Amino acid sequence: MTPHAQDKPLSGLLVVALEQAVAAPYCSSRLADAGARVIKIERPEGDFARGYDASVNGLASYFVWLNRGKESLVADIKDPDDARLLHAILERADVFIQNLAPGAAARAGFGSEALRERHPRLVTVDVTGYGRGHSYAEMKAYDLLVQAESGLAAITGHPAGPGRVGVSVCDIACGMAAHAAVLEALIARGITGRGARLEVSLFDGMADWMNVPLLYTEGTGRAPERVGLAHPSICPYGAFPTADGALVLISIQNEREWRRFCAEFLGDPDLPSREGFESNNARVANRPAVDAVVAAVFARLDRAAAADRLRAAGTAYGFVNGAADLSSHPALRRVSVETPAGTASIVAPPALRDGQAPVLGPVPAIGEHSETIRREFATRAA
């Protein structure tokens, strides 16, 4: 049990995670953060995300981020003895999460429908790339592939061509959706006594996030333009360089803000009455001219002076930071997590509970808990 798990909302729940990479581990890591006991089933070589990089004291950044607070059991689900062990664990489990290749879990005897028949209180979660019942069901799916297939890449980047979102956003969207669905199913089980069979795919997770560009395209007959660090339907809303090389992103949300910005930042209170500047729709159509006026003022100011003037004008703004800048950002919260290679400092989970971030359990070594788990469930597996 993870530190202080008894004080957490999911204390006493057992989660079995036949998982690898990002989407499913994201879901199970959040359950572990909330106090659930998560037994992670790994191959002898371990979750392949362990080898993505070696940037955290020799460990992979993805693995450290997504596997805190879990127990690692090395097992081969195709081996009869290991399969019996896993079934014995599932007799006591509350949640079973798997993201193997389509059909692999069922072929090994761990299909969600069969498990739900044997264990009516069990919540099963199948994480896939594209769902089932169509021509894409057997397709391999990794994050960037789904960014491309879902249309996300086509609306991301500069006009010159599509771009990749710089984090595994499709995996994360899927993991977030799976986590929410598990919590809903556990609440429902508390009322009905029955679990549920959940299915979540990377594609569905990102397709949900693509609702606005999809509806916009269907409603207007044209897709949102790729405009880099700007907004396709609001102007001015973009990034402008200062005299000392900083890049400042500003956002104007309404005409009141625009008038104040013109008067107090641009020093031109009459600008909103000029043709091409009088409304948001006019400014979007006249974007090059609007941006040129704004850029000329930023070019005369250094970073500090621009920030002072933007604050005085009540304009929403932010600096375009790099990852190194994030490390020292005043709003960044961090927590320590123990790993086989020592203590790592990671970004704290977003939600605070009674003003506190959760205490995170350690990141396991490959098979660190195999012996103790096998002893614990040996009688049931016999």
Foldseek 3Di string as FASTA:
>chain_A
DFPPLVVFDLAPAEEEEAEADFQRLQLVQVSLLRNYAYEYEAALVGRCQQVPDLPFLGTHPRLQVRFWRYHFAYADLQDLLRVLLVVLSLLRHAEYEYEDQPPPCVVSPRDPVNSCVVPFNHAYEYEYAPDDDDPCNRPDHAQVVLCVVLCVQVQEDAQVGGDDDPDSVLSHLQNVVRNVVQVVQNVVCVVVVGGYYHYTHSNVSVNVVCVVQVVVCVVPVDGQGRHHQQGSQFPPFGWEAAQVGWIKTWGDDAPVLVLLCCCQQLVHNCQCVDQLNVGGNSVSVVVVVRVVSVNVSRHHHHPVVNVVSCVVSVIDMDTDDDPVVQVPDPVWDWDWAAEPSGIDIDTFDDDADVNHTGDIHHRDDHNNCNVVSCVVSVVSSD
